């Protein structure tokens, strides 16, 4: 199955050209974040979404790109990340050149991934406790809880096919992509729109400081540095990325150009800890093996790996061990980088965002570097960690995601251009 459209609302930009350019140049989107100026908050940086202002809990105060036209009743049902997702889905549909009838029919579904909106939950619950439930917004629930994306987007885009939401923390949108793959592979859907999104605000990011996993660096240029010996945690980001997946037959029928091919996926659970990675990356190893088997590839055929590596000391080390366990016995040395050095960690958004980065790499012929490394962690010795972007066209790429509870997802993609003639033949 093939990827035919992408949509962006990220700290690196709102369109393909801008995002790809910043990936190539290793230009990050991290900066001082005004909501963190409170001295009680021990962190100072985040990677906010460009072109949007969603600080208010009153949706009518929000600003966003003028091309996004929303009725007031639609806007009032959204969380901040719902606004990002609405924009990203719109752009993905345009990028795939889908007509309205191709979006709204029983053979097109939508899967979404987010954790809901802590900001909107807090706002509506505080109002209920203060004034009573009859003074609350009728759309307070649908704008707040996990599922808010699929509730709103399915209504907005008149989705008639399969729909659901995924909540597995930082593996959420990877699961959404994997199960979208299954829906199409099983013949139940011709195409799936998949979107992952998160708020970028105090309530979404700051609680991670209590887990001691956020970077306390004040310099944006070194705060997010996966694989660096001196990394001290991740930087939060939000936004949305949407992707259109289609069967070969559906894409061929409308002459769509494939950007990449999704070849397979795997998932596995550590069975180890509620929040920490297995120290040897045991679950991630199983997920990678499963994905490679599903894609009918050997480890030595993978050219590039977009690692989950968030810039936490424990998580990055565990992933390094998992990568060595899979690739070293095969004598393989694929290029490895973590684009979270540029974006920070998008939580539910991260997996689809990084999969979309892999699509750009396959379609445009480059492999993004892993920025901000001054002293490579000894755990990464023996891995081919890219320090600079390479203008090399990969044939096959792999991307990892891991979340709370030990959830692990791995996706494998190949180039789309080689399939284009076959699709149209």
Protein backbone atom coordinates (compact mmCIF):
# COMPACT_ATOMS: atom_id res chain seq x y z
CA UNK A 1 0.00 0.00 0.00
CA UNK A 2 1.11 3.53 -0.73
CA UNK A 3 1.26 6.95 0.87
CA UNK A 4 -0.36 9.53 -1.42
CA UNK A 5 -0.74 12.62 0.76
CA UNK A 6 0.78 14.44 3.74
CA UNK A 7 -0.44 17.38 5.82
CA UNK A 8 1.59 19.36 8.36
CA UNK A 9 1.03 21.61 11.37
CA UNK A 10 4.38 21.40 13.15
CA UNK A 11 7.15 23.40 14.77
CA UNK A 12 9.16 22.94 11.56
CA UNK A 13 6.46 24.41 9.36
CA UNK A 14 3.05 23.99 7.77
CA UNK A 15 4.03 22.74 4.31
CA UNK A 16 6.21 20.10 2.74
CA UNK A 17 8.83 22.44 1.29
CA UNK A 18 9.47 24.24 4.57
CA UNK A 19 9.55 21.04 6.65
CA UNK A 20 11.85 19.22 4.22
CA UNK A 21 14.18 22.20 4.01
CA UNK A 22 14.53 22.47 7.77
CA UNK A 23 15.07 18.72 8.06
CA UNK A 24 17.86 18.89 5.51
CA UNK A 25 19.51 21.89 7.17
CA UNK A 26 18.96 20.52 10.70
CA UNK A 27 17.12 23.68 11.78
CA UNK A 28 15.22 23.05 15.00
CA UNK A 29 11.93 24.61 16.13
CA UNK A 30 12.76 24.87 19.85
CA UNK A 31 12.59 28.19 21.68
CA UNK A 32 11.84 29.80 25.06
CA UNK A 33 8.19 29.16 25.91
CA UNK A 34 6.23 31.91 27.66
CA UNK A 35 3.93 29.56 29.66
CA UNK A 36 7.06 28.20 31.41
CA UNK A 37 8.16 31.57 32.81
CA UNK A 38 6.60 30.73 36.19
CA UNK A 39 9.57 30.11 38.58
CA UNK A 40 7.82 26.99 39.92
CA UNK A 41 8.32 25.35 36.52
CA UNK A 42 11.87 23.99 36.18
CA UNK A 43 11.95 23.96 32.36
CA UNK A 44 11.96 26.84 29.92
CA UNK A 45 11.81 25.50 26.36
CA UNK A 46 9.27 23.98 23.99
CA UNK A 47 8.71 23.70 20.24
CA UNK A 48 5.39 25.45 19.51
CA UNK A 49 3.43 25.18 16.27
CA UNK A 50 4.06 27.96 13.79
CA UNK A 51 1.10 29.97 12.47
CA UNK A 52 -1.31 29.17 15.31
CA UNK A 53 -2.19 30.91 18.60
CA UNK A 54 -4.36 28.73 20.85
CA UNK A 55 -3.47 29.94 24.36
CA UNK A 56 -7.04 30.91 25.26
CA UNK A 57 -9.65 28.37 26.38
CA UNK A 58 -12.17 30.37 24.32
CA UNK A 59 -11.88 29.02 20.78
CA UNK A 60 -13.13 32.32 19.36
CA UNK A 61 -9.86 33.91 20.50
CA UNK A 62 -7.70 31.51 18.52
CA UNK A 63 -5.81 32.55 15.41
CA UNK A 64 -4.83 30.17 12.64
CA UNK A 65 -4.12 30.14 8.89
CA UNK A 66 -6.79 32.05 6.96
CA UNK A 67 -7.27 29.21 4.47
CA UNK A 68 -8.83 27.10 7.23
CA UNK A 69 -12.51 28.03 7.18
CA UNK A 70 -14.48 26.79 10.21
CA UNK A 71 -18.00 27.50 11.33
CA UNK A 72 -18.38 28.58 14.95
CA UNK A 73 -20.13 25.35 15.94
CA UNK A 74 -17.20 23.37 14.48
CA UNK A 75 -14.61 25.50 16.24
CA UNK A 76 -16.30 25.14 19.63
CA UNK A 77 -15.92 21.36 19.53
CA UNK A 78 -12.14 21.50 19.12
CA UNK A 79 -9.18 21.32 21.48
CA UNK A 80 -6.03 23.15 20.37
CA UNK A 81 -4.67 19.97 18.82
CA UNK A 82 -8.01 19.44 17.12
CA UNK A 83 -7.45 22.71 15.29
CA UNK A 84 -3.98 21.57 14.24
CA UNK A 85 -5.39 18.23 13.11
CA UNK A 86 -8.20 19.83 11.11
CA UNK A 87 -5.62 21.84 9.21
CA UNK A 88 -3.29 18.86 8.69
CA UNK A 89 -6.10 16.63 7.40
CA UNK A 90 -7.26 19.36 5.02
CA UNK A 91 -3.73 19.69 3.63
CA UNK A 92 -3.24 15.90 3.36
CA UNK A 93 -6.47 15.55 1.39
CA UNK A 94 -5.34 18.37 -0.91
CA UNK A 95 -1.88 16.82 -1.27
CA UNK A 96 -3.44 13.48 -2.24
CA UNK A 97 -5.80 15.30 -4.64
CA UNK A 98 -8.83 13.54 -3.25
CA UNK A 99 -12.28 14.70 -4.28
CA UNK A 100 -15.03 15.08 -1.68
CA UNK A 101 -16.70 11.87 -2.84
CA UNK A 102 -13.46 9.95 -2.42
CA UNK A 103 -13.20 11.14 1.19
CA UNK A 104 -16.84 10.65 2.17
CA UNK A 105 -17.76 7.10 1.21
CA UNK A 106 -17.89 3.72 2.96
CA UNK A 107 -14.47 2.69 1.57
CA UNK A 108 -12.55 5.57 3.18
CA UNK A 109 -11.88 5.59 6.93
CA UNK A 110 -10.09 7.76 9.48
CA UNK A 111 -7.92 6.77 12.43
CA UNK A 112 -6.68 9.36 14.91
CA UNK A 113 -4.25 9.44 17.81
CA UNK A 114 -4.07 11.84 20.74
CA UNK A 115 -4.21 11.84 24.53
CA UNK A 116 -7.07 14.31 24.63
CA UNK A 117 -6.63 17.82 25.97
CA UNK A 118 -5.60 18.33 29.58
CA UNK A 119 -6.12 22.07 29.09
CA UNK A 120 -9.72 21.74 27.98
CA UNK A 121 -10.51 19.08 30.59
CA UNK A 122 -9.17 21.33 33.36
CA UNK A 123 -11.07 24.33 32.01
CA UNK A 124 -14.42 22.58 31.72
CA UNK A 125 -14.13 20.70 35.01
CA UNK A 126 -13.17 23.90 36.85
CA UNK A 127 -16.17 25.65 35.35
CA UNK A 128 -18.48 22.78 36.32
CA UNK A 129 -17.29 22.79 39.92
CA UNK A 130 -17.64 26.54 40.15
CA UNK A 131 -20.94 27.11 38.34
CA UNK A 132 -22.56 23.67 37.96
CA UNK A 133 -22.96 21.49 34.87
CA UNK A 134 -25.79 23.54 33.36
CA UNK A 135 -23.38 26.45 32.90
CA UNK A 136 -20.90 24.31 30.97
CA UNK A 137 -20.41 24.15 27.23
CA UNK A 138 -22.50 21.45 25.52
CA UNK A 139 -19.36 20.61 23.54
CA UNK A 140 -17.06 20.50 26.56
CA UNK A 141 -16.81 16.71 26.53
CA UNK A 142 -16.17 16.27 22.81
CA UNK A 143 -13.54 19.02 22.83
CA UNK A 144 -11.64 17.49 25.74
CA UNK A 145 -11.49 13.75 26.08
CA UNK A 146 -9.37 11.18 24.26
CA UNK A 147 -11.29 10.63 21.06
CA UNK A 148 -11.85 14.32 20.42
CA UNK A 149 -10.00 14.06 17.10
CA UNK A 150 -12.03 11.26 15.58
CA UNK A 151 -15.30 12.70 16.93
CA UNK A 152 -14.72 16.05 15.26
CA UNK A 153 -12.86 15.03 12.12
CA UNK A 154 -15.27 12.26 11.16
CA UNK A 155 -18.18 14.70 11.41
CA UNK A 156 -16.31 17.51 9.67
CA UNK A 157 -15.14 15.41 6.72
CA UNK A 158 -18.26 13.22 6.56
CA UNK A 159 -16.28 10.00 7.06
CA UNK A 160 -18.39 6.87 6.40
CA UNK A 161 -15.74 4.14 6.67
CA UNK A 162 -13.83 2.76 9.64
CA UNK A 163 -13.00 5.20 12.42
CA UNK A 164 -11.52 5.06 15.89
CA UNK A 165 -8.98 6.73 18.15
CA UNK A 166 -5.74 5.31 19.56
CA UNK A 167 -4.29 6.07 22.98
CA UNK A 168 -0.96 4.36 23.69
CA UNK A 169 1.08 7.44 24.64
CA UNK A 170 4.09 7.95 22.38
CA UNK A 171 3.24 4.90 20.25
CA UNK A 172 -0.34 6.05 19.55
CA UNK A 173 -0.03 7.30 15.99
CA UNK A 174 2.22 4.36 15.14
CA UNK A 175 -0.58 2.06 16.20
CA UNK A 176 -3.02 4.14 14.14
CA UNK A 177 -0.84 3.71 11.05
CA UNK A 178 -0.36 0.01 11.72
CA UNK A 179 -4.04 -0.72 12.08
CA UNK A 180 -4.82 1.45 9.05
CA UNK A 181 -2.40 -0.79 7.16
CA UNK A 182 -4.40 -3.80 8.34
CA UNK A 183 -7.76 -2.31 7.31
CA UNK A 184 -6.49 -1.83 3.77
CA UNK A 185 -4.56 -5.13 3.62
CA UNK A 186 -7.67 -7.04 4.67
CA UNK A 187 -9.68 -5.37 1.91
CA UNK A 188 -12.06 -3.65 4.29
CA UNK A 189 -11.06 -0.15 3.18
CA UNK A 190 -9.59 1.33 0.01
CA UNK A 191 -7.94 4.23 1.80
CA UNK A 192 -7.37 5.50 5.32
CA UNK A 193 -6.69 9.01 6.56
CA UNK A 194 -4.48 8.83 9.65
CA UNK A 195 -3.71 11.79 11.92
CA UNK A 196 -1.77 12.22 15.14
CA UNK A 197 -1.86 15.40 17.21
CA UNK A 198 -1.14 16.92 20.61
CA UNK A 199 -1.64 20.26 22.33
CA UNK A 200 1.49 22.31 22.91
CA UNK A 201 0.85 24.06 26.20
CA UNK A 202 1.57 24.09 29.90
CA UNK A 203 -0.88 21.38 30.89
CA UNK A 204 0.32 18.91 28.26
CA UNK A 205 4.07 19.31 28.71
CA UNK A 206 4.86 20.55 32.24
CA UNK A 207 3.59 17.44 34.10
CA UNK A 208 6.49 15.50 32.58
CA UNK A 209 8.81 17.63 34.70
CA UNK A 210 7.42 15.73 37.68
CA UNK A 211 8.67 12.52 36.06
CA UNK A 212 12.13 14.12 35.73
CA UNK A 213 12.18 13.48 31.97
CA UNK A 214 12.20 17.05 30.59
CA UNK A 215 15.42 18.82 29.69
CA UNK A 216 16.36 21.69 31.99
CA UNK A 217 18.68 23.20 29.44
CA UNK A 218 18.08 26.88 28.69
CA UNK A 219 19.96 26.87 25.39
CA UNK A 220 17.61 25.77 22.58
CA UNK A 221 20.57 24.64 20.48
CA UNK A 222 21.52 21.81 22.84
CA UNK A 223 18.36 21.08 24.81
CA UNK A 224 17.19 18.16 22.65
CA UNK A 225 20.22 16.01 21.84
CA UNK A 226 19.41 12.33 21.39
CA UNK A 227 22.42 10.01 21.59
CA UNK A 228 24.58 12.67 23.23
CA UNK A 229 26.41 11.57 26.37
CA UNK A 230 25.17 14.61 28.29
CA UNK A 231 21.49 14.59 27.28
CA UNK A 232 19.16 15.33 30.18
CA UNK A 233 15.63 14.83 28.90
CA UNK A 234 13.24 15.76 26.13
CA UNK A 235 11.71 19.04 24.98
CA UNK A 236 7.95 19.06 24.43
CA UNK A 237 6.19 19.90 21.19
CA UNK A 238 2.69 19.67 19.76
CA UNK A 239 0.92 20.02 16.44
CA UNK A 240 -0.47 17.53 13.94
CA UNK A 241 0.55 15.46 10.94
CA UNK A 242 -1.90 13.66 8.66
CA UNK A 243 -1.23 10.96 6.10
CA UNK A 244 -3.34 9.37 3.35
CA UNK A 245 -2.77 5.64 2.82
CA UNK A 246 -4.32 3.83 -0.15
CA UNK A 247 -4.30 0.39 -1.66
CA UNK A 248 -2.30 0.03 -4.85
CA UNK A 249 -5.54 -0.50 -6.77
CA UNK A 250 -7.28 2.59 -5.37
CA UNK A 251 -4.26 4.76 -6.08
CA UNK A 252 -3.94 3.37 -9.61
CA UNK A 253 -7.62 3.92 -10.34
CA UNK A 254 -7.25 7.66 -9.86
CA UNK A 255 -3.69 8.02 -11.15
CA UNK A 256 -2.27 9.08 -7.79
CA UNK A 257 1.50 9.45 -7.42
CA UNK A 258 2.86 7.37 -4.53
CA UNK A 259 5.20 9.24 -2.22
CA UNK A 260 6.30 6.03 -0.49
CA UNK A 261 5.12 2.52 0.20
CA UNK A 262 4.22 1.21 3.65
CA UNK A 263 5.62 -2.31 3.55
CA UNK A 264 4.85 -3.65 7.01
CA UNK A 265 4.72 -3.02 10.71
CA UNK A 266 5.18 -4.76 14.03
CA UNK A 267 4.25 -4.17 17.63
CA UNK A 268 5.26 -5.69 20.94
CA UNK A 269 5.13 -4.85 24.63
CA UNK A 270 8.03 -4.88 27.08
CA UNK A 271 6.12 -6.36 30.03
CA UNK A 272 8.57 -4.55 32.26
CA UNK A 273 7.53 -1.15 33.70
CA UNK A 274 4.69 1.34 33.54
CA UNK A 275 6.90 4.15 32.20
CA UNK A 276 10.54 3.10 31.73
CA UNK A 277 11.86 1.21 28.70
CA UNK A 278 13.13 -2.33 29.09
CA UNK A 279 16.90 -1.85 29.63
CA UNK A 280 17.75 -4.09 26.65
CA UNK A 281 14.88 -2.82 24.49
CA UNK A 282 13.39 -6.33 24.47
CA UNK A 283 9.93 -5.32 23.25
CA UNK A 284 11.35 -3.00 20.62
CA UNK A 285 13.54 -5.82 19.32
CA UNK A 286 10.47 -8.01 18.84
CA UNK A 287 8.57 -5.18 17.12
CA UNK A 288 11.43 -4.62 14.67
CA UNK A 289 11.74 -8.32 13.88
CA UNK A 290 8.00 -8.53 13.26
CA UNK A 291 8.01 -5.45 11.00
CA UNK A 292 10.94 -6.73 8.94
CA UNK A 293 9.26 -10.12 8.56
CA UNK A 294 5.98 -8.51 7.49
CA UNK A 295 7.87 -6.38 4.96
CA UNK A 296 9.78 -9.47 3.74
CA UNK A 297 13.11 -7.72 4.29
CA UNK A 298 16.36 -8.63 5.98
CA UNK A 299 18.11 -6.23 8.39
CA UNK A 300 20.92 -5.57 5.90
CA UNK A 301 18.39 -4.15 3.41
CA UNK A 302 17.46 -1.23 5.69
CA UNK A 303 19.31 1.95 4.69
CA UNK A 304 18.03 4.40 7.29
CA UNK A 305 16.42 4.25 10.74
CA UNK A 306 14.49 7.13 12.26
CA UNK A 307 14.92 6.26 15.93
CA UNK A 308 12.41 6.93 18.67
CA UNK A 309 15.26 8.38 20.77
CA UNK A 310 13.71 11.22 22.77
CA UNK A 311 16.91 12.50 24.45
CA UNK A 312 16.25 10.77 27.78
CA UNK A 313 19.21 8.91 29.32
CA UNK A 314 17.39 5.60 29.85
CA UNK A 315 15.28 5.48 26.70
CA UNK A 316 18.03 6.30 24.20
CA UNK A 317 20.38 3.73 25.74
CA UNK A 318 17.74 1.00 25.58
CA UNK A 319 17.03 1.73 21.92
CA UNK A 320 20.75 1.62 21.09
CA UNK A 321 20.93 -1.87 22.58
CA UNK A 322 17.85 -2.97 20.67
CA UNK A 323 19.24 -1.67 17.37
CA UNK A 324 22.53 -3.47 17.91
CA UNK A 325 20.72 -6.70 18.74
CA UNK A 326 18.83 -6.63 15.43
CA UNK A 327 21.40 -5.24 13.01
CA UNK A 328 24.84 -6.23 14.30
CA UNK A 329 24.39 -10.02 13.96
CA UNK A 330 23.47 -9.45 10.30
CA UNK A 331 26.56 -7.34 9.70
CA UNK A 332 24.29 -4.41 8.86
CA UNK A 333 25.08 -0.77 9.59
CA UNK A 334 22.13 1.39 8.54
CA UNK A 335 22.29 5.13 9.08
CA UNK A 336 20.50 6.13 12.30
CA UNK A 337 19.24 9.51 13.46
CA UNK A 338 16.63 11.01 15.74
CA UNK A 339 14.75 13.97 14.29
CA UNK A 340 13.51 14.78 17.80
CA UNK A 341 16.69 16.83 18.06
CA UNK A 342 14.86 19.27 15.77
CA UNK A 343 11.24 18.91 16.86
CA UNK A 344 11.37 17.79 20.46
CA UNK A 345 9.01 15.01 21.48
CA UNK A 346 5.43 15.15 20.20
CA UNK A 347 4.02 12.32 22.35
CA UNK A 348 1.01 10.90 20.42
CA UNK A 349 2.07 12.95 17.40
CA UNK A 350 5.64 11.70 17.26
CA UNK A 351 5.23 8.41 15.39
CA UNK A 352 3.27 9.73 12.42
CA UNK A 353 5.41 12.88 12.26
CA UNK A 354 8.58 10.82 12.04
CA UNK A 355 6.99 8.39 9.57
CA UNK A 356 6.15 11.42 7.43
CA UNK A 357 9.78 12.54 7.69
CA UNK A 358 10.74 9.10 6.37
CA UNK A 359 8.31 9.57 3.46
CA UNK A 360 10.07 12.84 2.61
CA UNK A 361 13.45 11.11 2.82
CA UNK A 362 12.30 8.39 0.42
CA UNK A 363 10.59 10.76 -1.98
CA UNK A 364 13.26 13.47 -2.06
CA UNK A 365 16.41 11.42 -1.60
CA UNK A 366 18.05 12.35 1.68
CA UNK A 367 18.64 11.03 5.18
CA UNK A 368 18.34 13.67 7.95
CA UNK A 369 21.12 13.87 10.50
CA UNK A 370 20.93 13.68 14.27
CA UNK A 371 21.62 17.23 15.42
CA UNK A 372 23.27 18.68 18.52
CA UNK A 373 25.58 15.76 19.32
CA UNK A 374 28.79 16.98 20.92
CA UNK A 375 29.89 13.79 22.68
CA UNK A 376 28.41 10.56 21.37
CA UNK A 377 27.10 8.29 24.12
CA UNK A 378 29.28 5.16 24.43
CA UNK A 379 26.05 3.13 24.21
CA UNK A 380 25.82 4.28 20.58
CA UNK A 381 29.28 2.97 19.71
CA UNK A 382 28.99 0.57 16.81
CA UNK A 383 25.92 2.31 15.38
CA UNK A 384 26.14 4.53 12.30
CA UNK A 385 24.71 7.69 13.89
CA UNK A 386 24.40 10.37 11.24
CA UNK A 387 25.75 13.70 12.48
CA UNK A 388 24.92 15.55 9.25
CA UNK A 389 22.23 15.15 6.62
CA UNK A 390 23.25 12.93 3.71
CA UNK A 391 21.92 13.52 0.20
CA UNK A 392 21.55 9.80 -0.32
CA UNK A 393 18.39 8.13 -1.60
CA UNK A 394 17.42 5.27 0.73
CA UNK A 395 15.55 2.28 -0.63
CA UNK A 396 14.11 1.02 2.66
CA UNK A 397 13.68 2.81 5.97
CA UNK A 398 12.49 1.83 9.43
CA UNK A 399 11.02 4.02 12.14
CA UNK A 400 10.50 3.18 15.82
CA UNK A 401 8.13 4.44 18.50
CA UNK A 402 7.78 3.47 22.15
CA UNK A 403 5.26 4.53 24.77
CA UNK A 404 4.16 4.12 28.38
CA UNK A 405 3.43 0.59 29.47
CA UNK A 406 6.23 -0.68 27.24
CA UNK A 407 4.27 -0.31 23.98
CA UNK A 408 6.52 -0.51 20.91
CA UNK A 409 5.68 0.04 17.25
CA UNK A 410 7.96 -0.29 14.23
CA UNK A 411 7.03 0.66 10.66
CA UNK A 412 8.96 -0.16 7.48
CA UNK A 413 8.66 1.90 4.31
CA UNK A 414 10.06 1.76 0.79
CA UNK A 415 10.35 4.14 -2.10
CA UNK A 416 7.15 5.08 -3.89
CA UNK A 417 8.59 6.13 -7.24
CA UNK A 418 9.51 2.57 -8.21
CA UNK A 419 5.86 1.60 -7.80
CA UNK A 420 4.39 4.44 -9.85
CA UNK A 421 4.76 2.84 -13.26
CA UNK A 422 3.48 -0.46 -11.89
CA UNK A 423 0.44 1.26 -10.43
CA UNK A 424 -0.45 2.83 -13.77
CA UNK A 425 0.41 -0.20 -15.93
